[in-house]
Amino acid sequence: MGTTKLKSAFRRYHGCTITEYIQQRRISHAEHLLAHTEFSIGDVVRMVGYRNANHFSELFRETSGLVPSEYRKIARR
C-alpha cells in the first residue's frame, strides 16, 4: 500500500490524520498520568513523547482548555 492510500484509509477509518491521532493519544495518556500519578509535569511531558514542555502545554491547552497544572488540580477533586 502506498503512502497516499494509507493516509487516506487511515483518515476515513479514524476521522483524522495520523499525526492528529498520535497527538490525541499522547494528550489522553498525559491526562491519565496527571490525574492518577504523582509524576511531575516535566516527567509526564517526557513520558508521552514530547521534548518541549512549552509546546506540550500549548497543545494540551488547545485540547483540554486547561494547562496541565490546572487539569491536575481539577482532576484530583
PDB file of N, CA and C in Angstrom:
ATOM      1  N   MET A   1       0.853  -1.169   0.000  1.00  0.00           N
ATOM      2  CA  MET A   1       0.000   0.000   0.000  1.00  0.00           C
ATOM      3  C   MET A   1       0.902   1.236   0.000  1.00  0.00           C
ATOM      4  N   GLY A   2       0.588   2.164  -0.836  1.00  0.00           N
ATOM      5  CA  GLY A   2       1.363   3.399  -0.917  1.00  0.00           C
ATOM      6  C   GLY A   2       1.020   4.362   0.216  1.00  0.00           C
ATOM      7  N   THR A   3       1.876   5.336   0.393  1.00  0.00           N
ATOM      8  CA  THR A   3       1.703   6.323   1.467  1.00  0.00           C
ATOM      9  C   THR A   3       0.386   7.075   1.350  1.00  0.00           C
ATOM     10  N   THR A   4       0.074   7.544   0.158  1.00  0.00           N
ATOM     11  CA  THR A   4      -1.152   8.316  -0.043  1.00  0.00           C
ATOM     12  C   THR A   4      -2.387   7.484   0.277  1.00  0.00           C
ATOM     13  N   LYS A   5      -2.402   6.246  -0.180  1.00  0.00           N
ATOM     14  CA  LYS A   5      -3.544   5.358   0.073  1.00  0.00           C
ATOM     15  C   LYS A   5      -3.666   5.054   1.567  1.00  0.00           C
ATOM     16  N   LEU A   6      -2.530   4.822   2.223  1.00  0.00           N
ATOM     17  CA  LEU A   6      -2.533   4.574   3.668  1.00  0.00           C
ATOM     18  C   LEU A   6      -3.110   5.770   4.422  1.00  0.00           C
ATOM     19  N   LYS A   7      -2.631   6.961   4.096  1.00  0.00           N
ATOM     20  CA  LYS A   7      -3.119   8.173   4.774  1.00  0.00           C
ATOM     21  C   LYS A   7      -4.614   8.362   4.552  1.00  0.00           C
ATOM     22  N   SER A   8      -5.051   8.121   3.340  1.00  0.00           N
ATOM     23  CA  SER A   8      -6.467   8.272   3.007  1.00  0.00           C
ATOM     24  C   SER A   8      -7.325   7.249   3.763  1.00  0.00           C
ATOM     25  N   ALA A   9      -6.885   6.002   3.792  1.00  0.00           N
ATOM     26  CA  ALA A   9      -7.627   4.952   4.501  1.00  0.00           C
ATOM     27  C   ALA A   9      -7.651   5.244   5.997  1.00  0.00           C
ATOM     28  N   PHE A  10      -6.539   5.684   6.547  1.00  0.00           N
ATOM     29  CA  PHE A  10      -6.471   5.999   7.971  1.00  0.00           C
ATOM     30  C   PHE A  10      -7.456   7.115   8.311  1.00  0.00           C
ATOM     31  N   ARG A  11      -7.474   8.147   7.479  1.00  0.00           N
ATOM     32  CA  ARG A  11      -8.380   9.284   7.714  1.00  0.00           C
ATOM     33  C   ARG A  11      -9.845   8.851   7.645  1.00  0.00           C
ATOM     34  N   ARG A  12     -10.175   7.993   6.683  1.00  0.00           N
ATOM     35  CA  ARG A  12     -11.555   7.506   6.574  1.00  0.00           C
ATOM     36  C   ARG A  12     -11.947   6.704   7.808  1.00  0.00           C
ATOM     37  N   TYR A  13     -11.052   5.872   8.284  1.00  0.00           N
ATOM     38  CA  TYR A  13     -11.344   4.995   9.413  1.00  0.00           C
ATOM     39  C   TYR A  13     -11.390   5.753  10.742  1.00  0.00           C
ATOM     40  N   HIS A  14     -10.419   6.635  10.966  1.00  0.00           N
ATOM     41  CA  HIS A  14     -10.304   7.324  12.258  1.00  0.00           C
ATOM     42  C   HIS A  14     -10.875   8.743  12.267  1.00  0.00           C
ATOM     43  N   GLY A  15     -11.100   9.318  11.104  1.00  0.00           N
ATOM     44  CA  GLY A  15     -11.650  10.661  11.039  1.00  0.00           C
ATOM     45  C   GLY A  15     -10.637  11.765  11.306  1.00  0.00           C
ATOM     46  N   CYS A  16      -9.361  11.430  11.252  1.00  0.00           N
ATOM     47  CA  CYS A  16      -8.308  12.423  11.460  1.00  0.00           C
ATOM     48  C   CYS A  16      -7.031  11.919  10.806  1.00  0.00           C
ATOM     49  N   THR A  17      -6.036  12.789  10.728  1.00  0.00           N
ATOM     50  CA  THR A  17      -4.760  12.375  10.147  1.00  0.00           C
ATOM     51  C   THR A  17      -3.997  11.511  11.152  1.00  0.00           C
ATOM     52  N   ILE A  18      -2.956  10.855  10.666  1.00  0.00           N
ATOM     53  CA  ILE A  18      -2.126  10.028  11.539  1.00  0.00           C
ATOM     54  C   ILE A  18      -1.495  10.885  12.623  1.00  0.00           C
ATOM     55  N   THR A  19      -0.996  12.056  12.254  1.00  0.00           N
ATOM     56  CA  THR A  19      -0.372  12.965  13.215  1.00  0.00           C
ATOM     57  C   THR A  19      -1.367  13.416  14.274  1.00  0.00           C
ATOM     58  N   GLU A  20      -2.578  13.773  13.864  1.00  0.00           N
ATOM     59  CA  GLU A  20      -3.607  14.185  14.825  1.00  0.00           C
ATOM     60  C   GLU A  20      -3.963  13.039  15.771  1.00  0.00           C
ATOM     61  N   TYR A  21      -4.035  11.837  15.236  1.00  0.00           N
ATOM     62  CA  TYR A  21      -4.359  10.665  16.048  1.00  0.00           C
ATOM     63  C   TYR A  21      -3.292  10.442  17.115  1.00  0.00           C
ATOM     64  N   ILE A  22      -2.035  10.495  16.711  1.00  0.00           N
ATOM     65  CA  ILE A  22      -0.940  10.296  17.663  1.00  0.00           C
ATOM     66  C   ILE A  22      -0.969  11.383  18.732  1.00  0.00           C
ATOM     67  N   GLN A  23      -1.203  12.615  18.322  1.00  0.00           N
ATOM     68  CA  GLN A  23      -1.271  13.720  19.274  1.00  0.00           C
ATOM     69  C   GLN A  23      -2.408  13.510  20.271  1.00  0.00           C
ATOM     70  N   GLN A  24      -3.567  13.090  19.783  1.00  0.00           N
ATOM     71  CA  GLN A  24      -4.705  12.835  20.662  1.00  0.00           C
ATOM     72  C   GLN A  24      -4.389  11.735  21.663  1.00  0.00           C
ATOM     73  N   ARG A  25      -3.725  10.685  21.207  1.00  0.00           N
ATOM     74  CA  ARG A  25      -3.358   9.579  22.109  1.00  0.00           C
ATOM     75  C   ARG A  25      -2.365  10.038  23.171  1.00  0.00           C
ATOM     76  N   ARG A  26      -1.388  10.847  22.770  1.00  0.00           N
ATOM     77  CA  ARG A  26      -0.405  11.354  23.728  1.00  0.00           C
ATOM     78  C   ARG A  26      -1.069  12.229  24.786  1.00  0.00           C
ATOM     79  N   ILE A  27      -1.942  13.125  24.353  1.00  0.00           N
ATOM     80  CA  ILE A  27      -2.614  14.027  25.295  1.00  0.00           C
ATOM     81  C   ILE A  27      -3.525  13.221  26.224  1.00  0.00           C
ATOM     82  N   SER A  28      -4.222  12.241  25.688  1.00  0.00           N
ATOM     83  CA  SER A  28      -5.086  11.396  26.506  1.00  0.00           C
ATOM     84  C   SER A  28      -4.280  10.650  27.566  1.00  0.00           C
ATOM     85  N   HIS A  29      -3.135  10.141  27.185  1.00  0.00           N
ATOM     86  CA  HIS A  29      -2.269   9.440  28.141  1.00  0.00           C
ATOM     87  C   HIS A  29      -1.751  10.424  29.191  1.00  0.00           C
ATOM     88  N   ALA A  30      -1.402  11.631  28.754  1.00  0.00           N
ATOM     89  CA  ALA A  30      -0.941  12.661  29.693  1.00  0.00           C
ATOM     90  C   ALA A  30      -2.047  13.008  30.688  1.00  0.00           C
ATOM     91  N   GLU A  31      -3.280  13.112  30.227  1.00  0.00           N
ATOM     92  CA  GLU A  31      -4.402  13.394  31.132  1.00  0.00           C
ATOM     93  C   GLU A  31      -4.494  12.315  32.202  1.00  0.00           C
ATOM     94  N   HIS A  32      -4.363  11.080  31.792  1.00  0.00           N
ATOM     95  CA  HIS A  32      -4.421   9.970  32.749  1.00  0.00           C
ATOM     96  C   HIS A  32      -3.282  10.076  33.764  1.00  0.00           C
ATOM     97  N   LEU A  33      -2.080  10.298  33.282  1.00  0.00           N
ATOM     98  CA  LEU A  33      -0.927  10.395  34.182  1.00  0.00           C
ATOM     99  C   LEU A  33      -1.061  11.571  35.142  1.00  0.00           C
ATOM    100  N   LEU A  34      -1.551  12.694  34.654  1.00  0.00           N
ATOM    101  CA  LEU A  34      -1.711  13.870  35.516  1.00  0.00           C
ATOM    102  C   LEU A  34      -2.752  13.626  36.599  1.00  0.00           C
ATOM    103  N   ALA A  35      -3.799  12.929  36.255  1.00  0.00           N
ATOM    104  CA  ALA A  35      -4.894  12.698  37.198  1.00  0.00           C
ATOM    105  C   ALA A  35      -4.594  11.586  38.201  1.00  0.00           C
ATOM    106  N   HIS A  36      -3.787  10.601  37.802  1.00  0.00           N
ATOM    107  CA  HIS A  36      -3.665   9.398  38.615  1.00  0.00           C
ATOM    108  C   HIS A  36      -2.266   9.068  39.120  1.00  0.00           C
ATOM    109  N   THR A  37      -1.300   9.946  38.883  1.00  0.00           N
ATOM    110  CA  THR A  37       0.053   9.684  39.374  1.00  0.00           C
ATOM    111  C   THR A  37       0.619  10.935  40.040  1.00  0.00           C
ATOM    112  N   GLU A  38       1.751  10.757  40.660  1.00  0.00           N
ATOM    113  CA  GLU A  38       2.448  11.873  41.298  1.00  0.00           C
ATOM    114  C   GLU A  38       3.629  12.363  40.460  1.00  0.00           C
ATOM    115  N   PHE A  39       3.761  11.875  39.231  1.00  0.00           N
ATOM    116  CA  PHE A  39       4.862  12.314  38.384  1.00  0.00           C
ATOM    117  C   PHE A  39       4.784  13.825  38.181  1.00  0.00           C
ATOM    118  N   SER A  40       5.943  14.454  38.104  1.00  0.00           N
ATOM    119  CA  SER A  40       5.963  15.894  37.822  1.00  0.00           C
ATOM    120  C   SER A  40       5.453  16.114  36.400  1.00  0.00           C
ATOM    121  N   ILE A  41       5.039  17.332  36.124  1.00  0.00           N
ATOM    122  CA  ILE A  41       4.552  17.648  34.781  1.00  0.00           C
ATOM    123  C   ILE A  41       5.669  17.437  33.764  1.00  0.00           C
ATOM    124  N   GLY A  42       6.894  17.804  34.125  1.00  0.00           N
ATOM    125  CA  GLY A  42       8.034  17.576  33.238  1.00  0.00           C
ATOM    126  C   GLY A  42       8.235  16.108  32.919  1.00  0.00           C
ATOM    127  N   ASP A  43       8.063  15.257  33.928  1.00  0.00           N
ATOM    128  CA  ASP A  43       8.174  13.810  33.705  1.00  0.00           C
ATOM    129  C   ASP A  43       7.065  13.322  32.778  1.00  0.00           C
ATOM    130  N   VAL A  44       5.860  13.812  32.992  1.00  0.00           N
ATOM    131  CA  VAL A  44       4.723  13.424  32.145  1.00  0.00           C
ATOM    132  C   VAL A  44       4.988  13.837  30.700  1.00  0.00           C
ATOM    133  N   VAL A  45       5.499  15.048  30.517  1.00  0.00           N
ATOM    134  CA  VAL A  45       5.817  15.541  29.175  1.00  0.00           C
ATOM    135  C   VAL A  45       6.750  14.560  28.463  1.00  0.00           C
ATOM    136  N   ARG A  46       7.804  14.150  29.133  1.00  0.00           N
ATOM    137  CA  ARG A  46       8.763  13.221  28.541  1.00  0.00           C
ATOM    138  C   ARG A  46       8.159  11.828  28.335  1.00  0.00           C
ATOM    139  N   MET A  47       7.345  11.381  29.288  1.00  0.00           N
ATOM    140  CA  MET A  47       6.747  10.046  29.187  1.00  0.00           C
ATOM    141  C   MET A  47       5.835   9.904  27.968  1.00  0.00           C
ATOM    142  N   VAL A  48       5.160  10.978  27.602  1.00  0.00           N
ATOM    143  CA  VAL A  48       4.235  10.903  26.465  1.00  0.00           C
ATOM    144  C   VAL A  48       4.906  11.300  25.149  1.00  0.00           C
ATOM    145  N   GLY A  49       6.220  11.540  25.202  1.00  0.00           N
ATOM    146  CA  GLY A  49       6.965  11.689  23.963  1.00  0.00           C
ATOM    147  C   GLY A  49       7.246  13.091  23.482  1.00  0.00           C
ATOM    148  N   TYR A  50       7.083  14.081  24.335  1.00  0.00           N
ATOM    149  CA  TYR A  50       7.413  15.450  23.937  1.00  0.00           C
ATOM    150  C   TYR A  50       8.740  15.858  24.556  1.00  0.00           C
ATOM    151  N   ARG A  51       9.480  16.701  23.859  1.00  0.00           N
ATOM    152  CA  ARG A  51      10.756  17.201  24.366  1.00  0.00           C
ATOM    153  C   ARG A  51      10.621  18.595  24.947  1.00  0.00           C
ATOM    154  N   ASN A  52       9.651  19.340  24.452  1.00  0.00           N
ATOM    155  CA  ASN A  52       9.494  20.729  24.841  1.00  0.00           C
ATOM    156  C   ASN A  52       8.224  20.896  25.676  1.00  0.00           C
ATOM    157  N   ALA A  53       8.393  21.247  26.947  1.00  0.00           N
ATOM    158  CA  ALA A  53       7.244  21.376  27.852  1.00  0.00           C
ATOM    159  C   ALA A  53       6.322  22.512  27.435  1.00  0.00           C
ATOM    160  N   ASN A  54       6.875  23.587  26.898  1.00  0.00           N
ATOM    161  CA  ASN A  54       6.022  24.703  26.468  1.00  0.00           C
ATOM    162  C   ASN A  54       5.137  24.297  25.296  1.00  0.00           C
ATOM    163  N   HIS A  55       5.706  23.590  24.348  1.00  0.00           N
ATOM    164  CA  HIS A  55       4.921  23.114  23.203  1.00  0.00           C
ATOM    165  C   HIS A  55       3.834  22.150  23.686  1.00  0.00           C
ATOM    166  N   PHE A  56       4.193  21.249  24.569  1.00  0.00           N
ATOM    167  CA  PHE A  56       3.224  20.314  25.131  1.00  0.00           C
ATOM    168  C   PHE A  56       2.092  21.072  25.818  1.00  0.00           C
ATOM    169  N   SER A  57       2.443  22.083  26.627  1.00  0.00           N
ATOM    170  CA  SER A  57       1.433  22.862  27.346  1.00  0.00           C
ATOM    171  C   SER A  57       0.454  23.531  26.391  1.00  0.00           C
ATOM    172  N   GLU A  58       0.980  24.070  25.290  1.00  0.00           N
ATOM    173  CA  GLU A  58       0.108  24.713  24.296  1.00  0.00           C
ATOM    174  C   GLU A  58      -0.851  23.697  23.685  1.00  0.00           C
ATOM    175  N   LEU A  59      -0.327  22.545  23.286  1.00  0.00           N
ATOM    176  CA  LEU A  59      -1.181  21.507  22.704  1.00  0.00           C
ATOM    177  C   LEU A  59      -2.208  21.003  23.720  1.00  0.00           C
ATOM    178  N   PHE A  60      -1.765  20.825  24.947  1.00  0.00           N
ATOM    179  CA  PHE A  60      -2.653  20.340  25.998  1.00  0.00           C
ATOM    180  C   PHE A  60      -3.790  21.335  26.219  1.00  0.00           C
ATOM    181  N   ARG A  61      -3.455  22.632  26.268  1.00  0.00           N
ATOM    182  CA  ARG A  61      -4.467  23.669  26.473  1.00  0.00           C
ATOM    183  C   ARG A  61      -5.446  23.722  25.302  1.00  0.00           C
ATOM    184  N   GLU A  62      -4.937  23.572  24.077  1.00  0.00           N
ATOM    185  CA  GLU A  62      -5.816  23.565  22.904  1.00  0.00           C
ATOM    186  C   GLU A  62      -6.807  22.409  22.967  1.00  0.00           C
ATOM    187  N   THR A  63      -6.365  21.280  23.478  1.00  0.00           N
ATOM    188  CA  THR A  63      -7.196  20.079  23.532  1.00  0.00           C
ATOM    189  C   THR A  63      -8.169  20.095  24.705  1.00  0.00           C
ATOM    190  N   SER A  64      -7.672  20.422  25.890  1.00  0.00           N
ATOM    191  CA  SER A  64      -8.495  20.305  27.090  1.00  0.00           C
ATOM    192  C   SER A  64      -9.052  21.631  27.590  1.00  0.00           C
ATOM    193  N   GLY A  65      -8.506  22.739  27.103  1.00  0.00           N
ATOM    194  CA  GLY A  65      -8.947  24.042  27.578  1.00  0.00           C
ATOM    195  C   GLY A  65      -8.240  24.480  28.853  1.00  0.00           C
ATOM    196  N   LEU A  66      -7.349  23.646  29.359  1.00  0.00           N
ATOM    197  CA  LEU A  66      -6.626  23.946  30.596  1.00  0.00           C
ATOM    198  C   LEU A  66      -5.146  23.659  30.401  1.00  0.00           C
ATOM    199  N   VAL A  67      -4.311  24.339  31.173  1.00  0.00           N
ATOM    200  CA  VAL A  67      -2.895  23.973  31.182  1.00  0.00           C
ATOM    201  C   VAL A  67      -2.762  22.740  32.076  1.00  0.00           C
ATOM    202  N   PRO A  68      -1.690  21.976  31.936  1.00  0.00           N
ATOM    203  CA  PRO A  68      -1.562  20.722  32.682  1.00  0.00           C
ATOM    204  C   PRO A  68      -1.723  20.859  34.197  1.00  0.00           C
ATOM    205  N   SER A  69      -1.171  21.906  34.795  1.00  0.00           N
ATOM    206  CA  SER A  69      -1.287  22.049  36.253  1.00  0.00           C
ATOM    207  C   SER A  69      -2.738  22.282  36.681  1.00  0.00           C
ATOM    208  N   GLU A  70      -3.487  23.072  35.917  1.00  0.00           N
ATOM    209  CA  GLU A  70      -4.904  23.294  36.226  1.00  0.00           C
ATOM    210  C   GLU A  70      -5.690  21.998  36.063  1.00  0.00           C
ATOM    211  N   TYR A  71      -5.389  21.258  34.990  1.00  0.00           N
ATOM    212  CA  TYR A  71      -6.064  19.985  34.745  1.00  0.00           C
ATOM    213  C   TYR A  71      -5.850  19.049  35.927  1.00  0.00           C
ATOM    214  N   ARG A  72      -4.605  18.961  36.406  1.00  0.00           N
ATOM    215  CA  ARG A  72      -4.288  18.079  37.517  1.00  0.00           C
ATOM    216  C   ARG A  72      -5.103  18.449  38.751  1.00  0.00           C
ATOM    217  N   LYS A  73      -5.178  19.732  39.070  1.00  0.00           N
ATOM    218  CA  LYS A  73      -5.927  20.172  40.257  1.00  0.00           C
ATOM    219  C   LYS A  73      -7.394  19.790  40.151  1.00  0.00           C
ATOM    220  N   ILE A  74      -7.985  20.035  39.005  1.00  0.00           N
ATOM    221  CA  ILE A  74      -9.416  19.738  38.812  1.00  0.00           C
ATOM    222  C   ILE A  74      -9.654  18.226  38.809  1.00  0.00           C
ATOM    223  N   ALA A  75      -8.791  17.478  38.141  1.00  0.00           N
ATOM    224  CA  ALA A  75      -8.978  16.026  38.019  1.00  0.00           C
ATOM    225  C   ALA A  75      -8.861  15.323  39.362  1.00  0.00           C
ATOM    226  N   ARG A  76      -8.155  15.908  40.295  1.00  0.00           N
ATOM    227  CA  ARG A  76      -7.954  15.258  41.590  1.00  0.00           C
ATOM    228  C   ARG A  76      -9.017  15.608  42.623  1.00  0.00           C
ATOM    229  N   ARG A  77      -9.938  16.452  42.281  1.00  0.00           N
ATOM    230  CA  ARG A  77     -11.018  16.815  43.213  1.00  0.00           C
ATOM    231  C   ARG A  77     -12.051  15.728  43.320  1.00  0.00           C
TER     232      ARG A  77
END
